[in-house]
Amino acid sequence: AGKTDQTPDLVSVCRDFLRASIAQSNDPALPRDT
């Protein structure tokens, strides 16, 4: 909202999404502390 360069915010949100996906993963090959 109201920003011209959205890259840092978008990267931050994507990294948060990946962090949550890792924490919720049931894949035994992917430890939750990755």
PDB file of all heavy atoms in Angstrom:
ATOM      1  N   ALA A   1       0.835  -1.210   0.000  1.00  0.00           N
ATOM      2  CA  ALA A   1       0.000   0.000   0.000  1.00  0.00           C
ATOM      3  C   ALA A   1       0.868   1.259   0.000  1.00  0.00           C
ATOM      4  O   ALA A   1       1.615   1.523   0.930  1.00  0.00           O
ATOM      5  CB  ALA A   1      -0.916   0.002   1.212  1.00  0.00           C
ATOM      6  N   GLY A   2       0.783   2.036  -1.065  1.00  0.00           N
ATOM      7  CA  GLY A   2       1.456   3.327  -1.140  1.00  0.00           C
ATOM      8  C   GLY A   2       2.957   3.260  -1.300  1.00  0.00           C
ATOM      9  O   GLY A   2       3.640   4.251  -1.078  1.00  0.00           O
ATOM     10  N   LYS A   3       3.509   2.149  -1.709  1.00  0.00           N
ATOM     11  CA  LYS A   3       4.959   2.037  -1.868  1.00  0.00           C
ATOM     12  C   LYS A   3       5.289   1.841  -3.334  1.00  0.00           C
ATOM     13  O   LYS A   3       4.566   1.183  -4.065  1.00  0.00           O
ATOM     14  CB  LYS A   3       5.501   0.878  -1.041  1.00  0.00           C
ATOM     15  CG  LYS A   3       5.341   1.092   0.438  1.00  0.00           C
ATOM     16  CD  LYS A   3       6.093   0.051   1.198  1.00  0.00           C
ATOM     17  CE  LYS A   3       5.964   0.345   2.687  1.00  0.00           C
ATOM     18  NZ  LYS A   3       6.714  -0.604   3.476  1.00  0.00           N
ATOM     19  N   THR A   4       6.422   2.399  -3.740  1.00  0.00           N
ATOM     20  CA  THR A   4       6.830   2.250  -5.123  1.00  0.00           C
ATOM     21  C   THR A   4       7.709   1.019  -5.312  1.00  0.00           C
ATOM     22  O   THR A   4       7.524   0.274  -6.257  1.00  0.00           O
ATOM     23  CB  THR A   4       7.587   3.500  -5.595  1.00  0.00           C
ATOM     24  OG1 THR A   4       8.683   3.734  -4.705  1.00  0.00           O
ATOM     25  CG2 THR A   4       6.670   4.705  -5.594  1.00  0.00           C
ATOM     26  N   ASP A   5       8.671   0.768  -4.409  1.00  0.00           N
ATOM     27  CA  ASP A   5       9.521  -0.414  -4.518  1.00  0.00           C
ATOM     28  C   ASP A   5       9.015  -1.462  -3.536  1.00  0.00           C
ATOM     29  O   ASP A   5       9.243  -1.369  -2.341  1.00  0.00           O
ATOM     30  CB  ASP A   5      10.975  -0.072  -4.238  1.00  0.00           C
ATOM     31  CG  ASP A   5      11.884  -1.275  -4.441  1.00  0.00           C
ATOM     32  OD1 ASP A   5      11.430  -2.259  -5.052  1.00  0.00           O
ATOM     33  OD2 ASP A   5      13.033  -1.226  -3.992  1.00  0.00           O
ATOM     34  N   GLN A   6       8.334  -2.457  -4.054  1.00  0.00           N
ATOM     35  CA  GLN A   6       7.697  -3.460  -3.206  1.00  0.00           C
ATOM     36  C   GLN A   6       8.549  -4.705  -3.026  1.00  0.00           C
ATOM     37  O   GLN A   6       8.177  -5.609  -2.292  1.00  0.00           O
ATOM     38  CB  GLN A   6       6.353  -3.849  -3.801  1.00  0.00           C
ATOM     39  CG  GLN A   6       5.416  -2.683  -3.954  1.00  0.00           C
ATOM     40  CD  GLN A   6       4.195  -3.046  -4.773  1.00  0.00           C
ATOM     41  OE1 GLN A   6       4.028  -4.186  -5.177  1.00  0.00           O
ATOM     42  NE2 GLN A   6       3.352  -2.075  -5.018  1.00  0.00           N
ATOM     43  N   THR A   7       9.702  -4.755  -3.662  1.00  0.00           N
ATOM     44  CA  THR A   7      10.523  -5.958  -3.630  1.00  0.00           C
ATOM     45  C   THR A   7      10.890  -6.402  -2.219  1.00  0.00           C
ATOM     46  O   THR A   7      10.698  -7.570  -1.884  1.00  0.00           O
ATOM     47  CB  THR A   7      11.779  -5.779  -4.495  1.00  0.00           C
ATOM     48  OG1 THR A   7      11.382  -5.438  -5.815  1.00  0.00           O
ATOM     49  CG2 THR A   7      12.613  -7.038  -4.526  1.00  0.00           C
ATOM     50  N   PRO A   8      11.410  -5.529  -1.353  1.00  0.00           N
ATOM     51  CA  PRO A   8      11.779  -5.998  -0.007  1.00  0.00           C
ATOM     52  C   PRO A   8      10.591  -6.560   0.779  1.00  0.00           C
ATOM     53  O   PRO A   8      10.728  -7.577   1.461  1.00  0.00           O
ATOM     54  CB  PRO A   8      12.347  -4.760   0.680  1.00  0.00           C
ATOM     55  CG  PRO A   8      12.780  -3.874  -0.428  1.00  0.00           C
ATOM     56  CD  PRO A   8      11.821  -4.139  -1.553  1.00  0.00           C
ATOM     57  N   ASP A   9       9.444  -5.939   0.662  1.00  0.00           N
ATOM     58  CA  ASP A   9       8.258  -6.421   1.373  1.00  0.00           C
ATOM     59  C   ASP A   9       7.785  -7.751   0.803  1.00  0.00           C
ATOM     60  O   ASP A   9       7.416  -8.657   1.549  1.00  0.00           O
ATOM     61  CB  ASP A   9       7.123  -5.393   1.290  1.00  0.00           C
ATOM     62  CG  ASP A   9       7.450  -4.112   2.045  1.00  0.00           C
ATOM     63  OD1 ASP A   9       8.183  -4.191   3.047  1.00  0.00           O
ATOM     64  OD2 ASP A   9       6.982  -3.058   1.616  1.00  0.00           O
ATOM     65  N   LEU A  10       7.800  -7.870  -0.501  1.00  0.00           N
ATOM     66  CA  LEU A  10       7.372  -9.105  -1.136  1.00  0.00           C
ATOM     67  C   LEU A  10       8.314 -10.256  -0.780  1.00  0.00           C
ATOM     68  O   LEU A  10       7.865 -11.363  -0.477  1.00  0.00           O
ATOM     69  CB  LEU A  10       7.298  -8.920  -2.651  1.00  0.00           C
ATOM     70  CG  LEU A  10       6.739 -10.088  -3.456  1.00  0.00           C
ATOM     71  CD1 LEU A  10       5.337 -10.443  -2.972  1.00  0.00           C
ATOM     72  CD2 LEU A  10       6.726  -9.751  -4.926  1.00  0.00           C
ATOM     73  N   VAL A  11       9.600  -9.997  -0.774  1.00  0.00           N
ATOM     74  CA  VAL A  11      10.579 -11.016  -0.395  1.00  0.00           C
ATOM     75  C   VAL A  11      10.354 -11.445   1.049  1.00  0.00           C
ATOM     76  O   VAL A  11      10.372 -12.629   1.371  1.00  0.00           O
ATOM     77  CB  VAL A  11      12.016 -10.500  -0.613  1.00  0.00           C
ATOM     78  CG1 VAL A  11      13.037 -11.421   0.049  1.00  0.00           C
ATOM     79  CG2 VAL A  11      12.309 -10.355  -2.097  1.00  0.00           C
ATOM     80  N   SER A  12      10.108 -10.486   1.912  1.00  0.00           N
ATOM     81  CA  SER A  12       9.870 -10.792   3.323  1.00  0.00           C
ATOM     82  C   SER A  12       8.630 -11.660   3.504  1.00  0.00           C
ATOM     83  O   SER A  12       8.646 -12.635   4.259  1.00  0.00           O
ATOM     84  CB  SER A  12       9.728  -9.489   4.111  1.00  0.00           C
ATOM     85  OG  SER A  12       9.406  -9.755   5.442  1.00  0.00           O
ATOM     86  N   VAL A  13       7.570 -11.331   2.823  1.00  0.00           N
ATOM     87  CA  VAL A  13       6.332 -12.112   2.915  1.00  0.00           C
ATOM     88  C   VAL A  13       6.539 -13.517   2.359  1.00  0.00           C
ATOM     89  O   VAL A  13       6.084 -14.506   2.946  1.00  0.00           O
ATOM     90  CB  VAL A  13       5.174 -11.386   2.183  1.00  0.00           C
ATOM     91  CG1 VAL A  13       3.964 -12.290   2.044  1.00  0.00           C
ATOM     92  CG2 VAL A  13       4.803 -10.118   2.924  1.00  0.00           C
ATOM     93  N   CYS A  14       7.254 -13.630   1.247  1.00  0.00           N
ATOM     94  CA  CYS A  14       7.514 -14.953   0.664  1.00  0.00           C
ATOM     95  C   CYS A  14       8.372 -15.805   1.592  1.00  0.00           C
ATOM     96  O   CYS A  14       8.121 -17.000   1.755  1.00  0.00           O
ATOM     97  CB  CYS A  14       8.196 -14.810  -0.696  1.00  0.00           C
ATOM     98  SG  CYS A  14       7.103 -14.158  -1.971  1.00  0.00           S
ATOM     99  N   ARG A  15       9.359 -15.194   2.223  1.00  0.00           N
ATOM    100  CA  ARG A  15      10.202 -15.933   3.171  1.00  0.00           C
ATOM    101  C   ARG A  15       9.379 -16.375   4.384  1.00  0.00           C
ATOM    102  O   ARG A  15       9.550 -17.490   4.878  1.00  0.00           O
ATOM    103  CB  ARG A  15      11.399 -15.092   3.600  1.00  0.00           C
ATOM    104  CG  ARG A  15      12.409 -14.889   2.474  1.00  0.00           C
ATOM    105  CD  ARG A  15      13.552 -13.990   2.896  1.00  0.00           C
ATOM    106  NE  ARG A  15      14.279 -14.518   4.020  1.00  0.00           N
ATOM    107  CZ  ARG A  15      15.276 -15.403   3.932  1.00  0.00           C
ATOM    108  NH1 ARG A  15      15.639 -15.852   2.753  1.00  0.00           N
ATOM    109  NH2 ARG A  15      15.901 -15.827   5.004  1.00  0.00           N
ATOM    110  N   ASP A  16       8.477 -15.527   4.852  1.00  0.00           N
ATOM    111  CA  ASP A  16       7.593 -15.913   5.961  1.00  0.00           C
ATOM    112  C   ASP A  16       6.691 -17.073   5.557  1.00  0.00           C
ATOM    113  O   ASP A  16       6.447 -17.983   6.351  1.00  0.00           O
ATOM    114  CB  ASP A  16       6.745 -14.727   6.419  1.00  0.00           C
ATOM    115  CG  ASP A  16       7.556 -13.663   7.129  1.00  0.00           C
ATOM    116  OD1 ASP A  16       8.690 -13.956   7.571  1.00  0.00           O
ATOM    117  OD2 ASP A  16       7.061 -12.526   7.244  1.00  0.00           O
ATOM    118  N   PHE A  17       6.201 -17.032   4.325  1.00  0.00           N
ATOM    119  CA  PHE A  17       5.367 -18.123   3.820  1.00  0.00           C
ATOM    120  C   PHE A  17       6.158 -19.433   3.789  1.00  0.00           C
ATOM    121  O   PHE A  17       5.667 -20.485   4.215  1.00  0.00           O
ATOM    122  CB  PHE A  17       4.843 -17.781   2.424  1.00  0.00           C
ATOM    123  CG  PHE A  17       4.119 -18.909   1.766  1.00  0.00           C
ATOM    124  CD1 PHE A  17       2.852 -19.275   2.182  1.00  0.00           C
ATOM    125  CD2 PHE A  17       4.711 -19.622   0.733  1.00  0.00           C
ATOM    126  CE1 PHE A  17       2.175 -20.331   1.582  1.00  0.00           C
ATOM    127  CE2 PHE A  17       4.054 -20.667   0.126  1.00  0.00           C
ATOM    128  CZ  PHE A  17       2.785 -21.024   0.556  1.00  0.00           C
ATOM    129  N   LEU A  18       7.404 -19.383   3.302  1.00  0.00           N
ATOM    130  CA  LEU A  18       8.233 -20.583   3.266  1.00  0.00           C
ATOM    131  C   LEU A  18       8.525 -21.089   4.679  1.00  0.00           C
ATOM    132  O   LEU A  18       8.506 -22.287   4.929  1.00  0.00           O
ATOM    133  CB  LEU A  18       9.539 -20.314   2.526  1.00  0.00           C
ATOM    134  CG  LEU A  18       9.427 -20.180   1.018  1.00  0.00           C
ATOM    135  CD1 LEU A  18      10.783 -19.836   0.416  1.00  0.00           C
ATOM    136  CD2 LEU A  18       8.882 -21.446   0.398  1.00  0.00           C
ATOM    137  N   ARG A  19       8.796 -20.170   5.596  1.00  0.00           N
ATOM    138  CA  ARG A  19       9.055 -20.550   6.988  1.00  0.00           C
ATOM    139  C   ARG A  19       7.854 -21.299   7.569  1.00  0.00           C
ATOM    140  O   ARG A  19       7.994 -22.340   8.218  1.00  0.00           O
ATOM    141  CB  ARG A  19       9.383 -19.309   7.815  1.00  0.00           C
ATOM    142  CG  ARG A  19       9.892 -19.600   9.207  1.00  0.00           C
ATOM    143  CD  ARG A  19      10.339 -18.335   9.926  1.00  0.00           C
ATOM    144  NE  ARG A  19      11.515 -17.751   9.278  1.00  0.00           N
ATOM    145  CZ  ARG A  19      11.538 -16.601   8.619  1.00  0.00           C
ATOM    146  NH1 ARG A  19      10.446 -15.874   8.523  1.00  0.00           N
ATOM    147  NH2 ARG A  19      12.644 -16.160   8.059  1.00  0.00           N
ATOM    148  N   ALA A  20       6.658 -20.791   7.318  1.00  0.00           N
ATOM    149  CA  ALA A  20       5.442 -21.449   7.808  1.00  0.00           C
ATOM    150  C   ALA A  20       5.226 -22.791   7.115  1.00  0.00           C
ATOM    151  O   ALA A  20       4.815 -23.764   7.761  1.00  0.00           O
ATOM    152  CB  ALA A  20       4.230 -20.540   7.586  1.00  0.00           C
ATOM    153  N   SER A  21       5.517 -22.859   5.831  1.00  0.00           N
ATOM    154  CA  SER A  21       5.361 -24.118   5.093  1.00  0.00           C
ATOM    155  C   SER A  21       6.311 -25.189   5.616  1.00  0.00           C
ATOM    156  O   SER A  21       5.932 -26.353   5.744  1.00  0.00           O
ATOM    157  CB  SER A  21       5.622 -23.899   3.603  1.00  0.00           C
ATOM    158  OG  SER A  21       4.669 -23.017   3.064  1.00  0.00           O
ATOM    159  N   ILE A  22       7.524 -24.803   5.929  1.00  0.00           N
ATOM    160  CA  ILE A  22       8.500 -25.743   6.482  1.00  0.00           C
ATOM    161  C   ILE A  22       8.027 -26.246   7.840  1.00  0.00           C
ATOM    162  O   ILE A  22       8.087 -27.439   8.133  1.00  0.00           O
ATOM    163  CB  ILE A  22       9.890 -25.088   6.587  1.00  0.00           C
ATOM    164  CG1 ILE A  22      10.457 -24.817   5.200  1.00  0.00           C
ATOM    165  CG2 ILE A  22      10.844 -25.959   7.399  1.00  0.00           C
ATOM    166  CD1 ILE A  22      11.673 -23.916   5.186  1.00  0.00           C
ATOM    167  N   ALA A  23       7.540 -25.334   8.665  1.00  0.00           N
ATOM    168  CA  ALA A  23       7.097 -25.704  10.014  1.00  0.00           C
ATOM    169  C   ALA A  23       5.900 -26.652   9.977  1.00  0.00           C
ATOM    170  O   ALA A  23       5.746 -27.499  10.859  1.00  0.00           O
ATOM    171  CB  ALA A  23       6.752 -24.457  10.818  1.00  0.00           C
ATOM    172  N   GLN A  24       5.054 -26.533   8.964  1.00  0.00           N
ATOM    173  CA  GLN A  24       3.847 -27.354   8.870  1.00  0.00           C
ATOM    174  C   GLN A  24       4.042 -28.618   8.035  1.00  0.00           C
ATOM    175  O   GLN A  24       3.135 -29.442   7.933  1.00  0.00           O
ATOM    176  CB  GLN A  24       2.703 -26.536   8.272  1.00  0.00           C
ATOM    177  CG  GLN A  24       2.281 -25.389   9.136  1.00  0.00           C
ATOM    178  CD  GLN A  24       1.255 -24.498   8.450  1.00  0.00           C
ATOM    179  OE1 GLN A  24       0.836 -24.768   7.337  1.00  0.00           O
ATOM    180  NE2 GLN A  24       0.866 -23.442   9.121  1.00  0.00           N
ATOM    181  N   SER A  25       5.227 -28.794   7.468  1.00  0.00           N
ATOM    182  CA  SER A  25       5.479 -29.927   6.582  1.00  0.00           C
ATOM    183  C   SER A  25       5.492 -31.246   7.350  1.00  0.00           C
ATOM    184  O   SER A  25       5.999 -31.339   8.462  1.00  0.00           O
ATOM    185  CB  SER A  25       6.823 -29.739   5.871  1.00  0.00           C
ATOM    186  OG  SER A  25       7.126 -30.881   5.113  1.00  0.00           O
ATOM    187  N   ASN A  26       4.933 -32.271   6.719  1.00  0.00           N
ATOM    188  CA  ASN A  26       4.961 -33.626   7.270  1.00  0.00           C
ATOM    189  C   ASN A  26       6.002 -34.486   6.570  1.00  0.00           C
ATOM    190  O   ASN A  26       6.088 -35.685   6.825  1.00  0.00           O
ATOM    191  CB  ASN A  26       3.584 -34.286   7.118  1.00  0.00           C
ATOM    192  CG  ASN A  26       2.546 -33.597   7.974  1.00  0.00           C
ATOM    193  OD1 ASN A  26       2.861 -33.076   9.031  1.00  0.00           O
ATOM    194  ND2 ASN A  26       1.316 -33.589   7.505  1.00  0.00           N
ATOM    195  N   ASP A  27       6.783 -33.896   5.698  1.00  0.00           N
ATOM    196  CA  ASP A  27       7.791 -34.617   4.929  1.00  0.00           C
ATOM    197  C   ASP A  27       8.957 -35.004   5.843  1.00  0.00           C
ATOM    198  O   ASP A  27       9.600 -34.138   6.429  1.00  0.00           O
ATOM    199  CB  ASP A  27       8.288 -33.736   3.789  1.00  0.00           C
ATOM    200  CG  ASP A  27       9.228 -34.455   2.845  1.00  0.00           C
ATOM    201  OD1 ASP A  27       9.592 -35.616   3.124  1.00  0.00           O
ATOM    202  OD2 ASP A  27       9.592 -33.851   1.823  1.00  0.00           O
ATOM    203  N   PRO A  28       9.249 -36.300   5.985  1.00  0.00           N
ATOM    204  CA  PRO A  28      10.339 -36.719   6.863  1.00  0.00           C
ATOM    205  C   PRO A  28      11.717 -36.274   6.363  1.00  0.00           C
ATOM    206  O   PRO A  28      12.662 -36.182   7.146  1.00  0.00           O
ATOM    207  CB  PRO A  28      10.230 -38.246   6.888  1.00  0.00           C
ATOM    208  CG  PRO A  28       9.433 -38.612   5.698  1.00  0.00           C
ATOM    209  CD  PRO A  28       8.560 -37.433   5.372  1.00  0.00           C
ATOM    210  N   ALA A  29      11.826 -35.962   5.072  1.00  0.00           N
ATOM    211  CA  ALA A  29      13.100 -35.505   4.520  1.00  0.00           C
ATOM    212  C   ALA A  29      13.346 -34.020   4.778  1.00  0.00           C
ATOM    213  O   ALA A  29      14.424 -33.515   4.480  1.00  0.00           O
ATOM    214  CB  ALA A  29      13.143 -35.776   3.027  1.00  0.00           C
ATOM    215  N   LEU A  30      12.356 -33.342   5.334  1.00  0.00           N
ATOM    216  CA  LEU A  30      12.474 -31.912   5.596  1.00  0.00           C
ATOM    217  C   LEU A  30      12.300 -31.651   7.089  1.00  0.00           C
ATOM    218  O   LEU A  30      11.173 -31.521   7.576  1.00  0.00           O
ATOM    219  CB  LEU A  30      11.416 -31.135   4.803  1.00  0.00           C
ATOM    220  CG  LEU A  30      11.434 -29.622   4.940  1.00  0.00           C
ATOM    221  CD1 LEU A  30      12.735 -29.044   4.407  1.00  0.00           C
ATOM    222  CD2 LEU A  30      10.255 -29.018   4.203  1.00  0.00           C
ATOM    223  N   PRO A  31      13.399 -31.570   7.839  1.00  0.00           N
ATOM    224  CA  PRO A  31      13.282 -31.296   9.270  1.00  0.00           C
ATOM    225  C   PRO A  31      12.635 -29.932   9.521  1.00  0.00           C
ATOM    226  O   PRO A  31      12.827 -28.992   8.760  1.00  0.00           O
ATOM    227  CB  PRO A  31      14.730 -31.299   9.758  1.00  0.00           C
ATOM    228  CG  PRO A  31      15.520 -31.951   8.693  1.00  0.00           C
ATOM    229  CD  PRO A  31      14.771 -31.746   7.413  1.00  0.00           C
ATOM    230  N   ARG A  32      11.866 -29.840  10.573  1.00  0.00           N
ATOM    231  CA  ARG A  32      11.152 -28.591  10.873  1.00  0.00           C
ATOM    232  C   ARG A  32      12.092 -27.453  11.248  1.00  0.00           C
ATOM    233  O   ARG A  32      11.709 -26.292  11.194  1.00  0.00           O
ATOM    234  CB  ARG A  32      10.148 -28.820  11.995  1.00  0.00           C
ATOM    235  CG  ARG A  32       9.009 -29.705  11.551  1.00  0.00           C
ATOM    236  CD  ARG A  32       8.054 -29.987  12.686  1.00  0.00           C
ATOM    237  NE  ARG A  32       7.117 -31.028  12.283  1.00  0.00           N
ATOM    238  CZ  ARG A  32       5.855 -30.786  12.014  1.00  0.00           C
ATOM    239  NH1 ARG A  32       5.376 -29.583  12.112  1.00  0.00           N
ATOM    240  NH2 ARG A  32       5.067 -31.772  11.636  1.00  0.00           N
ATOM    241  N   ASP A  33      13.328 -27.773  11.612  1.00  0.00           N
ATOM    242  CA  ASP A  33      14.275 -26.714  11.963  1.00  0.00           C
ATOM    243  C   ASP A  33      15.128 -26.271  10.773  1.00  0.00           C
ATOM    244  O   ASP A  33      16.117 -25.576  10.937  1.00  0.00           O
ATOM    245  CB  ASP A  33      15.169 -27.153  13.124  1.00  0.00           C
ATOM    246  CG  ASP A  33      16.025 -28.364  12.783  1.00  0.00           C
ATOM    247  OD1 ASP A  33      15.737 -29.034  11.777  1.00  0.00           O
ATOM    248  OD2 ASP A  33      16.979 -28.623  13.531  1.00  0.00           O
ATOM    249  N   THR A  34      14.709 -26.656   9.572  1.00  0.00           N
ATOM    250  CA  THR A  34      15.427 -26.248   8.359  1.00  0.00           C
ATOM    251  C   THR A  34      15.326 -24.734   8.201  1.00  0.00           C
ATOM    252  O   THR A  34      14.256 -24.150   8.296  1.00  0.00           O
ATOM    253  CB  THR A  34      14.825 -26.938   7.112  1.00  0.00           C
ATOM    254  OG1 THR A  34      14.904 -28.349   7.297  1.00  0.00           O
ATOM    255  CG2 THR A  34      15.560 -26.541   5.858  1.00  0.00           C
TER     256      THR A  34
END
